[in-house]
Amino acid sequence: MQQEVIVPWSPGAAADPFRTRALGWTLRQWSDAGYWPLMAMGCQSGWSKAEAVAAAVSRAGPVVLLADADCFVAREAVAQSVQAVRDGAAWSIPHGRVLRLTDEATVALIVGDPQPLHPFEREPYVGRGGGGIVAVRRDVALDCSMDSTFRDWGGEDESWGFALATLWEDPHRPNPQPDKGWPLTHLYHPQPHKPTLWGSHENEARRRRYWEAYMGRDRDTMRELVEEGRPASWASNV
């Protein structure tokens, strides 16, 4: 059975030519790699990644593969992460460092030209758990949902990673040294305005609660946070 990849997408993003360009390229990469891209549409206003993917996750096969619309990683890395989850790992992150391309470098990638001398919008960094591309067992995803109280952008990915690591286990990685693993290529689009590093002040405050529960390995508090934020259409096996 062909593995599907769930790609969250807001109708409002269609008005952004940079995001639309990135989506077109990443969808081709997934199709060429033998995956079935499944668009998970969210609301144009009050974006919630959790609500956008909830129904698709609940209906998914044994392995849930989630991928943001603006990034891709080597197909070998994805295949190893998916296989690790099939073999019993709770969840897996296929990529190590994140390479955020400039607009010029993104255009070069898409048309097949050599990369410019300075291709990165910022210095490469190790990707956070829960964001970018994630493979997770369906039963784990149903037990540990994303949090729908995060609105617009910021904090939702890392918080989900904290929850998965606390309620289940630390992520499998094809390369246990993230800084030496396969890089995730992030195509350029202008960053949304945000008052803090984690988006809104409300998002930052909630992300911090996840971080504190994770640091203390406080499973009870983490479970409360997950259930508080569970989308109505994200089924639970608890």
C-alpha atoms as a PDB file:
ATOM      1  CA  MET A   1       0.000   0.000   0.000  1.00  0.00           C
ATOM      2  CA  GLN A   2       1.355   3.413  -0.979  1.00  0.00           C
ATOM      3  CA  GLN A   3       2.384   5.542   1.983  1.00  0.00           C
ATOM      4  CA  GLU A   4       0.525   8.832   2.144  1.00  0.00           C
ATOM      5  CA  VAL A   5       2.097  12.046   3.369  1.00  0.00           C
ATOM      6  CA  ILE A   6      -0.185  14.588   5.037  1.00  0.00           C
ATOM      7  CA  VAL A   7       0.600  18.174   4.028  1.00  0.00           C
ATOM      8  CA  PRO A   8      -1.139  20.903   6.082  1.00  0.00           C
ATOM      9  CA  TRP A   9      -2.249  23.886   4.040  1.00  0.00           C
ATOM     10  CA  SER A  10      -4.254  27.025   4.698  1.00  0.00           C
ATOM     11  CA  PRO A  11      -6.420  28.482   1.908  1.00  0.00           C
ATOM     12  CA  GLY A  12      -4.996  31.848   2.876  1.00  0.00           C
ATOM     13  CA  ALA A  13      -1.529  30.649   1.864  1.00  0.00           C
ATOM     14  CA  ALA A  14      -2.706  30.389  -1.738  1.00  0.00           C
ATOM     15  CA  ALA A  15      -2.498  34.185  -1.925  1.00  0.00           C
ATOM     16  CA  ASP A  16       1.230  34.029  -1.109  1.00  0.00           C
ATOM     17  CA  PRO A  17       3.168  33.294  -4.329  1.00  0.00           C
ATOM     18  CA  PHE A  18       6.238  32.183  -2.355  1.00  0.00           C
ATOM     19  CA  ARG A  19       4.317  29.562  -0.357  1.00  0.00           C
ATOM     20  CA  THR A  20       2.445  28.400  -3.462  1.00  0.00           C
ATOM     21  CA  ARG A  21       5.742  28.021  -5.300  1.00  0.00           C
ATOM     22  CA  ALA A  22       7.186  25.976  -2.433  1.00  0.00           C
ATOM     23  CA  LEU A  23       4.100  23.767  -2.262  1.00  0.00           C
ATOM     24  CA  GLY A  24       4.247  22.960  -5.974  1.00  0.00           C
ATOM     25  CA  TRP A  25       7.878  21.902  -5.717  1.00  0.00           C
ATOM     26  CA  THR A  26       7.488  19.800  -2.560  1.00  0.00           C
ATOM     27  CA  LEU A  27       4.403  18.002  -3.891  1.00  0.00           C
ATOM     28  CA  ARG A  28       6.407  16.979  -6.957  1.00  0.00           C
ATOM     29  CA  GLN A  29       9.219  15.683  -4.764  1.00  0.00           C
ATOM     30  CA  TRP A  30       6.827  13.529  -2.754  1.00  0.00           C
ATOM     31  CA  SER A  31       5.154  12.147  -5.854  1.00  0.00           C
ATOM     32  CA  ASP A  32       8.494  11.424  -7.525  1.00  0.00           C
ATOM     33  CA  ALA A  33       9.647   9.619  -4.361  1.00  0.00           C
ATOM     34  CA  GLY A  34       6.606   7.314  -4.515  1.00  0.00           C
ATOM     35  CA  TYR A  35       4.475   8.883  -1.791  1.00  0.00           C
ATOM     36  CA  TRP A  36       0.853   9.961  -2.046  1.00  0.00           C
ATOM     37  CA  PRO A  37       0.545  13.632  -0.994  1.00  0.00           C
ATOM     38  CA  LEU A  38      -2.680  14.312   0.868  1.00  0.00           C
ATOM     39  CA  MET A  39      -3.530  17.977   1.353  1.00  0.00           C
ATOM     40  CA  ALA A  40      -4.974  18.722   4.792  1.00  0.00           C
ATOM     41  CA  MET A  41      -6.873  21.981   4.476  1.00  0.00           C
ATOM     42  CA  GLY A  42      -7.362  24.350   7.382  1.00  0.00           C
ATOM     43  CA  CYS A  43      -9.377  27.512   7.891  1.00  0.00           C
ATOM     44  CA  GLN A  44      -8.237  30.685   6.188  1.00  0.00           C
ATOM     45  CA  SER A  45      -8.625  32.649   9.421  1.00  0.00           C
ATOM     46  CA  GLY A  46      -7.491  31.501  12.829  1.00  0.00           C
ATOM     47  CA  TRP A  47      -5.082  28.914  11.419  1.00  0.00           C
ATOM     48  CA  SER A  48      -4.562  25.826  13.550  1.00  0.00           C
ATOM     49  CA  LYS A  49      -2.211  23.158  12.230  1.00  0.00           C
ATOM     50  CA  ALA A  50      -3.718  20.624  14.635  1.00  0.00           C
ATOM     51  CA  GLU A  51      -7.233  21.173  13.327  1.00  0.00           C
ATOM     52  CA  ALA A  52      -6.043  21.115   9.717  1.00  0.00           C
ATOM     53  CA  VAL A  53      -4.516  17.638   9.992  1.00  0.00           C
ATOM     54  CA  ALA A  54      -6.823  16.118  12.627  1.00  0.00           C
ATOM     55  CA  ALA A  55      -9.229  14.242  10.370  1.00  0.00           C
ATOM     56  CA  ALA A  56      -6.446  12.964   8.100  1.00  0.00           C
ATOM     57  CA  VAL A  57      -4.442  11.670  11.063  1.00  0.00           C
ATOM     58  CA  SER A  58      -7.479   9.903  12.500  1.00  0.00           C
ATOM     59  CA  ARG A  59      -8.086   8.112   9.181  1.00  0.00           C
ATOM     60  CA  ALA A  60      -4.439   7.362   8.404  1.00  0.00           C
ATOM     61  CA  GLY A  61      -2.793   3.984   8.037  1.00  0.00           C
ATOM     62  CA  PRO A  62      -0.383   2.406  10.549  1.00  0.00           C
ATOM     63  CA  VAL A  63       2.263   5.087   9.903  1.00  0.00           C
ATOM     64  CA  VAL A  64       1.323   8.765   9.908  1.00  0.00           C
ATOM     65  CA  LEU A  65       3.723  10.866   7.846  1.00  0.00           C
ATOM     66  CA  LEU A  66       3.369  14.634   8.250  1.00  0.00           C
ATOM     67  CA  ALA A  67       5.301  17.170   6.196  1.00  0.00           C
ATOM     68  CA  ASP A  68       5.129  20.946   6.088  1.00  0.00           C
ATOM     69  CA  ALA A  69       4.387  22.379   2.655  1.00  0.00           C
ATOM     70  CA  ASP A  70       7.676  24.262   2.358  1.00  0.00           C
ATOM     71  CA  CYS A  71      10.283  21.578   3.016  1.00  0.00           C
ATOM     72  CA  PHE A  72      11.744  18.280   1.884  1.00  0.00           C
ATOM     73  CA  VAL A  73      14.497  15.862   2.909  1.00  0.00           C
ATOM     74  CA  ALA A  74      16.324  13.085   1.090  1.00  0.00           C
ATOM     75  CA  ARG A  75      13.982  10.220   0.227  1.00  0.00           C
ATOM     76  CA  GLU A  76      16.404   7.753   1.844  1.00  0.00           C
ATOM     77  CA  ALA A  77      15.964   9.552   5.158  1.00  0.00           C
ATOM     78  CA  VAL A  78      12.165   9.470   4.900  1.00  0.00           C
ATOM     79  CA  ALA A  79      12.215   5.783   3.969  1.00  0.00           C
ATOM     80  CA  GLN A  80      14.365   4.963   7.003  1.00  0.00           C
ATOM     81  CA  SER A  81      12.108   6.932   9.350  1.00  0.00           C
ATOM     82  CA  VAL A  82       8.951   5.307   7.993  1.00  0.00           C
ATOM     83  CA  GLN A  83      10.514   1.839   8.259  1.00  0.00           C
ATOM     84  CA  ALA A  84      11.650   2.514  11.825  1.00  0.00           C
ATOM     85  CA  VAL A  85       8.083   3.395  12.780  1.00  0.00           C
ATOM     86  CA  ARG A  86       6.756   0.308  10.993  1.00  0.00           C
ATOM     87  CA  ASP A  87       9.247  -1.697  13.031  1.00  0.00           C
ATOM     88  CA  GLY A  88       7.908  -0.281  16.296  1.00  0.00           C
ATOM     89  CA  ALA A  89       9.489   3.111  16.997  1.00  0.00           C
ATOM     90  CA  ALA A  90       6.904   5.517  18.414  1.00  0.00           C
ATOM     91  CA  TRP A  91       8.023   8.356  16.149  1.00  0.00           C
ATOM     92  CA  SER A  92      10.925   9.394  13.988  1.00  0.00           C
ATOM     93  CA  ILE A  93      12.495  12.595  12.671  1.00  0.00           C
ATOM     94  CA  PRO A  94      14.205  11.981   9.310  1.00  0.00           C
ATOM     95  CA  HIS A  95      16.193  15.201   9.179  1.00  0.00           C
ATOM     96  CA  GLY A  96      19.008  16.750  11.133  1.00  0.00           C
ATOM     97  CA  ARG A  97      19.895  20.346  10.338  1.00  0.00           C
ATOM     98  CA  VAL A  98      17.463  22.760   8.726  1.00  0.00           C
ATOM     99  CA  LEU A  99      18.738  24.676   5.689  1.00  0.00           C
ATOM    100  CA  ARG A 100      16.575  27.756   5.170  1.00  0.00           C
ATOM    101  CA  LEU A 101      17.209  28.907   1.608  1.00  0.00           C
ATOM    102  CA  THR A 102      17.161  32.481   0.383  1.00  0.00           C
ATOM    103  CA  ASP A 103      14.760  33.452  -2.382  1.00  0.00           C
ATOM    104  CA  GLU A 104      17.606  33.311  -4.907  1.00  0.00           C
ATOM    105  CA  ALA A 105      18.676  29.853  -3.733  1.00  0.00           C
ATOM    106  CA  THR A 106      15.070  28.621  -3.825  1.00  0.00           C
ATOM    107  CA  VAL A 107      14.665  29.729  -7.443  1.00  0.00           C
ATOM    108  CA  ALA A 108      17.953  28.015  -8.330  1.00  0.00           C
ATOM    109  CA  LEU A 109      16.804  24.785  -6.686  1.00  0.00           C
ATOM    110  CA  ILE A 110      13.491  24.769  -8.518  1.00  0.00           C
ATOM    111  CA  VAL A 111      14.935  25.457 -11.980  1.00  0.00           C
ATOM    112  CA  GLY A 112      17.992  23.245 -11.453  1.00  0.00           C
ATOM    113  CA  ASP A 113      20.660  25.944 -11.482  1.00  0.00           C
ATOM    114  CA  PRO A 114      23.763  25.904  -9.246  1.00  0.00           C
ATOM    115  CA  GLN A 115      23.260  27.288  -5.772  1.00  0.00           C
ATOM    116  CA  PRO A 116      24.490  30.844  -5.120  1.00  0.00           C
ATOM    117  CA  LEU A 117      27.554  31.489  -2.994  1.00  0.00           C
ATOM    118  CA  HIS A 118      25.474  32.375   0.076  1.00  0.00           C
ATOM    119  CA  PRO A 119      22.337  30.194  -0.150  1.00  0.00           C
ATOM    120  CA  PHE A 120      21.056  30.356   3.421  1.00  0.00           C
ATOM    121  CA  GLU A 121      18.679  32.898   4.911  1.00  0.00           C
ATOM    122  CA  ARG A 122      20.107  32.097   8.358  1.00  0.00           C
ATOM    123  CA  GLU A 123      22.759  29.800   9.769  1.00  0.00           C
ATOM    124  CA  PRO A 124      21.750  26.101   9.582  1.00  0.00           C
ATOM    125  CA  TYR A 125      20.380  24.725  12.852  1.00  0.00           C
ATOM    126  CA  VAL A 126      19.196  21.371  14.194  1.00  0.00           C
ATOM    127  CA  GLY A 127      15.489  20.931  13.552  1.00  0.00           C
ATOM    128  CA  ARG A 128      13.122  20.728  16.506  1.00  0.00           C
ATOM    129  CA  GLY A 129      11.093  17.611  17.156  1.00  0.00           C
ATOM    130  CA  GLY A 130       7.501  17.810  15.926  1.00  0.00           C
ATOM    131  CA  GLY A 131       8.105  20.165  13.008  1.00  0.00           C
ATOM    132  CA  GLY A 132       9.236  19.894   9.417  1.00  0.00           C
ATOM    133  CA  ILE A 133       8.747  16.204   8.632  1.00  0.00           C
ATOM    134  CA  VAL A 134       7.638  13.618  11.200  1.00  0.00           C
ATOM    135  CA  ALA A 135       6.755   9.928  10.970  1.00  0.00           C
ATOM    136  CA  VAL A 136       4.685   8.583  13.871  1.00  0.00           C
ATOM    137  CA  ARG A 137       2.755   5.410  14.631  1.00  0.00           C
ATOM    138  CA  ARG A 138      -0.969   5.971  14.235  1.00  0.00           C
ATOM    139  CA  ASP A 139      -1.760   4.688  17.738  1.00  0.00           C
ATOM    140  CA  VAL A 140       0.837   7.084  19.161  1.00  0.00           C
ATOM    141  CA  ALA A 141      -0.578   9.996  17.172  1.00  0.00           C
ATOM    142  CA  LEU A 142      -4.107   9.171  18.352  1.00  0.00           C
ATOM    143  CA  ASP A 143      -2.920   9.037  21.945  1.00  0.00           C
ATOM    144  CA  CYS A 144      -0.845  12.210  21.733  1.00  0.00           C
ATOM    145  CA  SER A 145      -2.528  14.804  19.538  1.00  0.00           C
ATOM    146  CA  MET A 146      -1.291  18.200  18.438  1.00  0.00           C
ATOM    147  CA  ASP A 147      -2.673  21.145  20.377  1.00  0.00           C
ATOM    148  CA  SER A 148      -5.411  23.130  18.637  1.00  0.00           C
ATOM    149  CA  THR A 149      -5.167  26.048  21.065  1.00  0.00           C
ATOM    150  CA  PHE A 150      -2.064  27.278  19.200  1.00  0.00           C
ATOM    151  CA  ARG A 151      -3.338  29.800  16.679  1.00  0.00           C
ATOM    152  CA  ASP A 152      -1.652  31.201  13.593  1.00  0.00           C
ATOM    153  CA  TRP A 153       2.056  30.428  13.840  1.00  0.00           C
ATOM    154  CA  GLY A 154       4.482  29.513  16.598  1.00  0.00           C
ATOM    155  CA  GLY A 155       5.112  26.891  19.267  1.00  0.00           C
ATOM    156  CA  GLU A 156       2.775  24.134  18.083  1.00  0.00           C
ATOM    157  CA  ASP A 157       5.435  21.933  16.487  1.00  0.00           C
ATOM    158  CA  GLU A 158       7.929  21.961  19.326  1.00  0.00           C
ATOM    159  CA  SER A 159       5.149  21.478  21.891  1.00  0.00           C
ATOM    160  CA  TRP A 160       3.982  18.365  20.077  1.00  0.00           C
ATOM    161  CA  GLY A 161       7.555  17.089  20.093  1.00  0.00           C
ATOM    162  CA  PHE A 162       7.766  17.689  23.838  1.00  0.00           C
ATOM    163  CA  ALA A 163       4.506  15.783  24.343  1.00  0.00           C
ATOM    164  CA  LEU A 164       5.562  12.810  22.209  1.00  0.00           C
ATOM    165  CA  ALA A 165       8.914  12.563  23.994  1.00  0.00           C
ATOM    166  CA  THR A 166       7.290  12.759  27.452  1.00  0.00           C
ATOM    167  CA  LEU A 167       4.307  10.462  26.939  1.00  0.00           C
ATOM    168  CA  TRP A 168       6.099   7.999  24.690  1.00  0.00           C
ATOM    169  CA  GLU A 169       9.826   8.177  23.993  1.00  0.00           C
ATOM    170  CA  ASP A 170      12.558  10.310  22.488  1.00  0.00           C
ATOM    171  CA  PRO A 171      12.413  10.287  18.690  1.00  0.00           C
ATOM    172  CA  HIS A 172      14.199   7.812  16.502  1.00  0.00           C
ATOM    173  CA  ARG A 173      16.563   9.462  14.036  1.00  0.00           C
ATOM    174  CA  PRO A 174      18.176   7.721  11.051  1.00  0.00           C
ATOM    175  CA  ASN A 175      21.395   9.372  12.192  1.00  0.00           C
ATOM    176  CA  PRO A 176      21.639   9.677  15.992  1.00  0.00           C
ATOM    177  CA  GLN A 177      23.825  12.769  15.569  1.00  0.00           C
ATOM    178  CA  PRO A 178      21.317  15.353  14.251  1.00  0.00           C
ATOM    179  CA  ASP A 179      23.971  17.819  13.152  1.00  0.00           C
ATOM    180  CA  LYS A 180      25.422  15.129  10.886  1.00  0.00           C
ATOM    181  CA  GLY A 181      22.150  13.691   9.567  1.00  0.00           C
ATOM    182  CA  TRP A 182      20.326  14.424   6.333  1.00  0.00           C
ATOM    183  CA  PRO A 183      19.490  18.126   6.136  1.00  0.00           C
ATOM    184  CA  LEU A 184      15.972  19.390   5.638  1.00  0.00           C
ATOM    185  CA  THR A 185      15.689  21.875   2.780  1.00  0.00           C
ATOM    186  CA  HIS A 186      13.327  24.713   3.642  1.00  0.00           C
ATOM    187  CA  LEU A 187      12.206  26.788   0.664  1.00  0.00           C
ATOM    188  CA  TYR A 188      11.983  30.545   0.997  1.00  0.00           C
ATOM    189  CA  HIS A 189       8.880  32.478   1.901  1.00  0.00           C
ATOM    190  CA  PRO A 190       8.610  35.680   3.937  1.00  0.00           C
ATOM    191  CA  GLN A 191       8.258  34.978   7.633  1.00  0.00           C
ATOM    192  CA  PRO A 192       5.020  36.065   9.316  1.00  0.00           C
ATOM    193  CA  HIS A 193       5.204  38.971  11.711  1.00  0.00           C
ATOM    194  CA  LYS A 194       5.410  37.690  15.251  1.00  0.00           C
ATOM    195  CA  PRO A 195       5.810  39.591  18.517  1.00  0.00           C
ATOM    196  CA  THR A 196       7.983  36.837  20.042  1.00  0.00           C
ATOM    197  CA  LEU A 197      10.230  34.031  18.824  1.00  0.00           C
ATOM    198  CA  TRP A 198       7.319  31.631  19.357  1.00  0.00           C
ATOM    199  CA  GLY A 199       4.580  33.664  17.713  1.00  0.00           C
ATOM    200  CA  SER A 200       1.969  35.331  19.881  1.00  0.00           C
ATOM    201  CA  HIS A 201       2.434  35.873  23.601  1.00  0.00           C
ATOM    202  CA  GLU A 202      -0.358  33.341  24.174  1.00  0.00           C
ATOM    203  CA  ASN A 203       1.443  30.738  22.062  1.00  0.00           C
ATOM    204  CA  GLU A 204       4.697  31.388  23.855  1.00  0.00           C
ATOM    205  CA  ALA A 205       3.088  30.985  27.275  1.00  0.00           C
ATOM    206  CA  ARG A 206       1.492  27.676  26.287  1.00  0.00           C
ATOM    207  CA  ARG A 207       4.670  26.379  24.681  1.00  0.00           C
ATOM    208  CA  ARG A 208       6.495  27.113  27.916  1.00  0.00           C
ATOM    209  CA  ARG A 209       4.028  24.923  29.839  1.00  0.00           C
ATOM    210  CA  TYR A 210       4.866  22.072  27.470  1.00  0.00           C
ATOM    211  CA  TRP A 211       8.575  22.748  27.889  1.00  0.00           C
ATOM    212  CA  GLU A 212       8.328  22.710  31.683  1.00  0.00           C
ATOM    213  CA  ALA A 213       6.390  19.429  31.664  1.00  0.00           C
ATOM    214  CA  TYR A 214       8.966  17.963  29.287  1.00  0.00           C
ATOM    215  CA  MET A 215      11.945  19.106  31.349  1.00  0.00           C
ATOM    216  CA  GLY A 216      10.375  17.660  34.482  1.00  0.00           C
ATOM    217  CA  ARG A 217       9.205  14.510  32.667  1.00  0.00           C
ATOM    218  CA  ASP A 218       5.840  15.295  34.229  1.00  0.00           C
ATOM    219  CA  ARG A 219       3.555  12.863  32.439  1.00  0.00           C
ATOM    220  CA  ASP A 220       0.422  13.892  34.351  1.00  0.00           C
ATOM    221  CA  THR A 221       0.746  17.565  33.454  1.00  0.00           C
ATOM    222  CA  MET A 222       1.657  16.698  29.880  1.00  0.00           C
ATOM    223  CA  ARG A 223      -1.409  14.487  29.579  1.00  0.00           C
ATOM    224  CA  GLU A 224      -3.598  17.340  30.837  1.00  0.00           C
ATOM    225  CA  LEU A 225      -2.099  19.716  28.257  1.00  0.00           C
ATOM    226  CA  VAL A 226      -2.639  17.256  25.412  1.00  0.00           C
ATOM    227  CA  GLU A 227      -6.251  16.599  26.342  1.00  0.00           C
ATOM    228  CA  GLU A 228      -6.958  20.322  26.820  1.00  0.00           C
ATOM    229  CA  GLY A 229      -5.753  21.008  23.292  1.00  0.00           C
ATOM    230  CA  ARG A 230      -7.099  17.924  21.491  1.00  0.00           C
ATOM    231  CA  PRO A 231      -9.080  18.899  18.366  1.00  0.00           C
ATOM    232  CA  ALA A 232     -12.640  17.544  18.318  1.00  0.00           C
ATOM    233  CA  SER A 233     -11.960  15.606  15.106  1.00  0.00           C
ATOM    234  CA  TRP A 234      -8.662  14.129  16.314  1.00  0.00           C
ATOM    235  CA  ALA A 235      -9.777  10.732  17.599  1.00  0.00           C
ATOM    236  CA  SER A 236      -8.270   9.366  20.806  1.00  0.00           C
ATOM    237  CA  ASN A 237      -7.380   5.806  21.682  1.00  0.00           C
ATOM    238  CA  VAL A 238      -6.975   6.653  25.367  1.00  0.00           C
END
